[in-house]
C-alpha atoms as a PDB file:
ATOM      1  CA  MET A   1       1.015  11.807   6.136  1.00  0.00           C
ATOM      2  CA  ASP A   2       2.365   9.647   3.349  1.00  0.00           C
ATOM      3  CA  PHE A   3       5.793  10.091   1.804  1.00  0.00           C
ATOM      4  CA  ILE A   4       7.765   8.303  -0.884  1.00  0.00           C
ATOM      5  CA  VAL A   5      11.561   8.268  -0.741  1.00  0.00           C
ATOM      6  CA  LYS A   6      13.363   6.035  -3.238  1.00  0.00           C
ATOM      7  CA  ASP A   7      11.344   2.783  -3.383  1.00  0.00           C
ATOM      8  CA  LEU A   8      10.047   3.163   0.162  1.00  0.00           C
ATOM      9  CA  MET A   9       6.513   4.382   0.948  1.00  0.00           C
ATOM     10  CA  ILE A  10       6.245   5.748   4.463  1.00  0.00           C
ATOM     11  CA  SER A  11       3.011   6.501   6.278  1.00  0.00           C
ATOM     12  CA  VAL A  12       3.391   8.612   9.394  1.00  0.00           C
ATOM     13  CA  LEU A  13       0.357   7.940  11.549  1.00  0.00           C
ATOM     14  CA  PRO A  14      -0.940  10.146  14.371  1.00  0.00           C
ATOM     15  CA  LEU A  15       0.294   9.200  17.839  1.00  0.00           C
ATOM     16  CA  HIS A  16      -3.175   8.987  19.411  1.00  0.00           C
ATOM     17  CA  GLY A  17      -6.506   7.624  18.255  1.00  0.00           C
ATOM     18  CA  ASP A  18      -7.348   5.001  15.722  1.00  0.00           C
ATOM     19  CA  ALA A  19      -5.892   6.459  12.541  1.00  0.00           C
ATOM     20  CA  LEU A  20      -7.057   3.553  10.428  1.00  0.00           C
ATOM     21  CA  ALA A  21     -10.683   3.515  11.542  1.00  0.00           C
ATOM     22  CA  GLY A  22     -12.875   4.445   8.656  1.00  0.00           C
ATOM     23  CA  ALA A  23      -9.977   4.616   6.214  1.00  0.00           C
ATOM     24  CA  HIS A  24     -11.782   2.257   3.874  1.00  0.00           C
ATOM     25  CA  CYS A  25     -15.371   3.027   4.873  1.00  0.00           C
ATOM     26  CA  GLY A  26     -17.753   3.531   2.028  1.00  0.00           C
ATOM     27  CA  SER A  27     -16.062   0.854  -0.053  1.00  0.00           C
ATOM     28  CA  CYS A  28     -17.140  -2.203   1.909  1.00  0.00           C
ATOM     29  CA  SER A  29     -20.062  -4.345   0.916  1.00  0.00           C
ATOM     30  CA  SER A  30     -22.482  -5.987   3.294  1.00  0.00           C
ATOM     31  CA  ASP A  31     -21.907  -9.324   1.614  1.00  0.00           C
ATOM     32  CA  SER A  32     -20.881 -11.648   4.432  1.00  0.00           C
ATOM     33  CA  SER A  33     -20.223 -14.559   2.095  1.00  0.00           C
ATOM     34  CA  GLY A  34     -17.015 -13.070   0.712  1.00  0.00           C
ATOM     35  CA  PRO A  35     -13.570 -12.857   2.233  1.00  0.00           C
ATOM     36  CA  PRO A  36     -12.993 -10.563   5.198  1.00  0.00           C
ATOM     37  CA  GLY A  37     -12.714  -6.906   4.320  1.00  0.00           C
ATOM     38  CA  PRO A  38     -10.697  -4.174   6.009  1.00  0.00           C
ATOM     39  CA  CYS A  39     -13.568  -3.217   8.310  1.00  0.00           C
ATOM     40  CA  GLY A  40     -14.144  -6.631   9.849  1.00  0.00           C
ATOM     41  CA  PRO A  41     -14.760 -10.305   9.256  1.00  0.00           C
ATOM     42  CA  HIS A  42     -18.080  -9.875   7.423  1.00  0.00           C
ATOM     43  CA  SER A  43     -17.530  -6.613   5.584  1.00  0.00           C
ATOM     44  CA  GLY A  44     -16.768  -8.210   2.233  1.00  0.00           C
ATOM     45  CA  SER A  45     -13.723  -7.551   0.131  1.00  0.00           C
ATOM     46  CA  VAL A  46     -13.117  -4.084  -1.289  1.00  0.00           C
ATOM     47  CA  TRP A  47     -10.707  -5.632  -3.778  1.00  0.00           C
ATOM     48  CA  GLN A  48     -12.176  -7.180  -6.880  1.00  0.00           C
ATOM     49  CA  ASN A  49     -10.173  -9.110  -9.421  1.00  0.00           C
ATOM     50  CA  PRO A  50     -10.165  -6.808 -12.464  1.00  0.00           C
ATOM     51  CA  LEU A  51      -9.776  -9.812 -14.743  1.00  0.00           C
ATOM     52  CA  ASP A  52     -13.298 -10.870 -13.739  1.00  0.00           C
ATOM     53  CA  LEU A  53     -14.539  -7.768 -15.570  1.00  0.00           C
ATOM     54  CA  VAL A  54     -12.659  -8.472 -18.803  1.00  0.00           C
ATOM     55  CA  VAL A  55     -14.412 -10.209 -21.649  1.00  0.00           C
ATOM     56  CA  LEU A  56     -11.683 -11.653 -23.811  1.00  0.00           C
ATOM     57  CA  PRO A  57     -12.052 -10.833 -27.495  1.00  0.00           C
ATOM     58  CA  ALA A  58     -12.543 -13.680 -29.917  1.00  0.00           C
ATOM     59  CA  THR A  59     -10.787 -12.301 -32.998  1.00  0.00           C
ATOM     60  CA  PRO A  60      -7.192 -11.285 -33.756  1.00  0.00           C
ATOM     61  CA  ALA A  61      -8.312  -7.750 -34.638  1.00  0.00           C
ATOM     62  CA  SER A  62     -10.148  -7.300 -31.358  1.00  0.00           C
ATOM     63  CA  LEU A  63      -7.135  -8.692 -29.473  1.00  0.00           C
ATOM     64  CA  ALA A  64      -4.934  -6.099 -31.190  1.00  0.00           C
ATOM     65  CA  VAL A  65      -7.365  -3.340 -30.184  1.00  0.00           C
ATOM     66  CA  LEU A  66      -7.404  -4.618 -26.606  1.00  0.00           C
ATOM     67  CA  LYS A  67      -3.575  -4.702 -26.480  1.00  0.00           C
ATOM     68  CA  HIS A  68      -3.451  -1.128 -27.772  1.00  0.00           C
ATOM     69  CA  GLN A  69      -5.998  -0.001 -25.161  1.00  0.00           C
ATOM     70  CA  LEU A  70      -4.063  -1.776 -22.409  1.00  0.00           C
ATOM     71  CA  ARG A  71      -0.795  -0.133 -23.481  1.00  0.00           C
ATOM     72  CA  GLU A  72      -2.471   3.288 -23.450  1.00  0.00           C
ATOM     73  CA  ALA A  73      -4.000   2.601 -20.026  1.00  0.00           C
ATOM     74  CA  LEU A  74      -0.645   1.425 -18.679  1.00  0.00           C
ATOM     75  CA  ALA A  75       1.119   4.524 -20.024  1.00  0.00           C
ATOM     76  CA  ALA A  76      -1.524   6.775 -18.451  1.00  0.00           C
ATOM     77  CA  THR A  77      -1.247   4.883 -15.160  1.00  0.00           C
ATOM     78  CA  GLU A  78       2.540   5.179 -15.134  1.00  0.00           C
ATOM     79  CA  ALA A  79       2.284   8.920 -15.841  1.00  0.00           C
ATOM     80  CA  ARG A  80      -0.176   9.353 -12.933  1.00  0.00           C
ATOM     81  CA  GLU A  81       2.077   7.245 -10.718  1.00  0.00           C
ATOM     82  CA  LYS A  82       5.062   9.484 -11.531  1.00  0.00           C
ATOM     83  CA  VAL A  83       3.056  12.614 -10.667  1.00  0.00           C
ATOM     84  CA  MET A  84       1.802  10.994  -7.451  1.00  0.00           C
ATOM     85  CA  GLN A  85       5.300   9.926  -6.407  1.00  0.00           C
ATOM     86  CA  GLU A  86       6.583  13.459  -6.910  1.00  0.00           C
ATOM     87  CA  ALA A  87       3.660  14.858  -4.904  1.00  0.00           C
ATOM     88  CA  LEU A  88       4.406  12.453  -2.029  1.00  0.00           C
ATOM     89  CA  ARG A  89       8.029  13.476  -1.648  1.00  0.00           C
ATOM     90  CA  PRO A  90       8.771  15.662   1.382  1.00  0.00           C
ATOM     91  CA  THR A  91       8.533  19.289   0.307  1.00  0.00           C
ATOM     92  CA  SER A  92       9.813  21.258   3.279  1.00  0.00           C
ATOM     93  CA  PRO A  93      12.640  21.076   5.784  1.00  0.00           C
ATOM     94  CA  ALA A  94      10.049  20.484   8.521  1.00  0.00           C
ATOM     95  CA  GLU A  95       8.586  17.472   6.700  1.00  0.00           C
ATOM     96  CA  ILE A  96      12.084  16.086   6.150  1.00  0.00           C
ATOM     97  CA  ALA A  97      12.916  16.508   9.845  1.00  0.00           C
ATOM     98  CA  VAL A  98       9.704  14.720  10.895  1.00  0.00           C
ATOM     99  CA  LEU A  99      10.373  11.917   8.437  1.00  0.00           C
ATOM    100  CA  GLN A 100      13.984  11.547   9.592  1.00  0.00           C
ATOM    101  CA  SER A 101      12.896  11.328  13.242  1.00  0.00           C
ATOM    102  CA  HIS A 102      10.289   8.671  12.444  1.00  0.00           C
ATOM    103  CA  LEU A 103      12.765   6.674  10.364  1.00  0.00           C
ATOM    104  CA  THR A 104      15.398   6.887  13.099  1.00  0.00           C
ATOM    105  CA  ALA A 105      12.866   5.688  15.668  1.00  0.00           C
ATOM    106  CA  ALA A 106      11.839   2.833  13.363  1.00  0.00           C
ATOM    107  CA  LEU A 107      15.479   1.812  12.892  1.00  0.00           C
ATOM    108  CA  GLU A 108      16.049   1.844  16.648  1.00  0.00           C
ATOM    109  CA  GLU A 109      12.956  -0.332  17.107  1.00  0.00           C
ATOM    110  CA  LEU A 110      14.278  -2.776  14.495  1.00  0.00           C
ATOM    111  CA  LYS A 111      17.677  -2.879  16.212  1.00  0.00           C
ATOM    112  CA  GLY A 112      15.911  -3.694  19.498  1.00  0.00           C
ATOM    113  CA  SER A 113      13.879  -6.432  17.827  1.00  0.00           C
ATOM    114  CA  ALA A 114      17.000  -7.895  16.222  1.00  0.00           C
ATOM    115  CA  ALA A 115      18.809  -7.872  19.567  1.00  0.00           C
ATOM    116  CA  ALA A 116      15.854  -9.558  21.273  1.00  0.00           C
ATOM    117  CA  LEU A 117      15.688 -12.238  18.572  1.00  0.00           C
ATOM    118  CA  GLU A 118      19.423 -12.798  18.753  1.00  0.00           C
ATOM    119  CA  GLY A 119      19.172 -13.068  22.552  1.00  0.00           C
ATOM    120  CA  SER A 120      16.392 -15.646  22.386  1.00  0.00           C
ATOM    121  CA  ARG A 121      18.329 -17.613  19.751  1.00  0.00           C
ATOM    122  CA  THR A 122      21.430 -17.602  22.001  1.00  0.00           C
ATOM    123  CA  GLU A 123      19.370 -18.796  24.995  1.00  0.00           C
ATOM    124  CA  LYS A 124      17.921 -21.693  22.966  1.00  0.00           C
ATOM    125  CA  ALA A 125      21.382 -22.741  21.811  1.00  0.00           C
ATOM    126  CA  ALA A 126      22.716 -22.801  25.371  1.00  0.00           C
END
């Protein structure tokens, strides 16, 4: 389950099994010459630089058209992002309780890590 609260995106993964296996499958290429992909060292990159697909216009008029198209695309993307962020917010008391328990556990884990780091730093100083 994915949630967004404020500027924090939280993914709550299942406790057992490999939740990430196959999450990107279908997007990988078999090109082993590219950078490592999410499925292994020779799966190719699923991320392509979108600027590689852009042919820059050669005239001021075509640049103006491109800027207008980019502004429209950005506005549409921001509108979709707003809808998506609202859809990812917890919608029930049960989801909020699960999210709170996971966040509390994560904070406790961070406190333990901070204490361990502080302890190792103190030992090195002594």
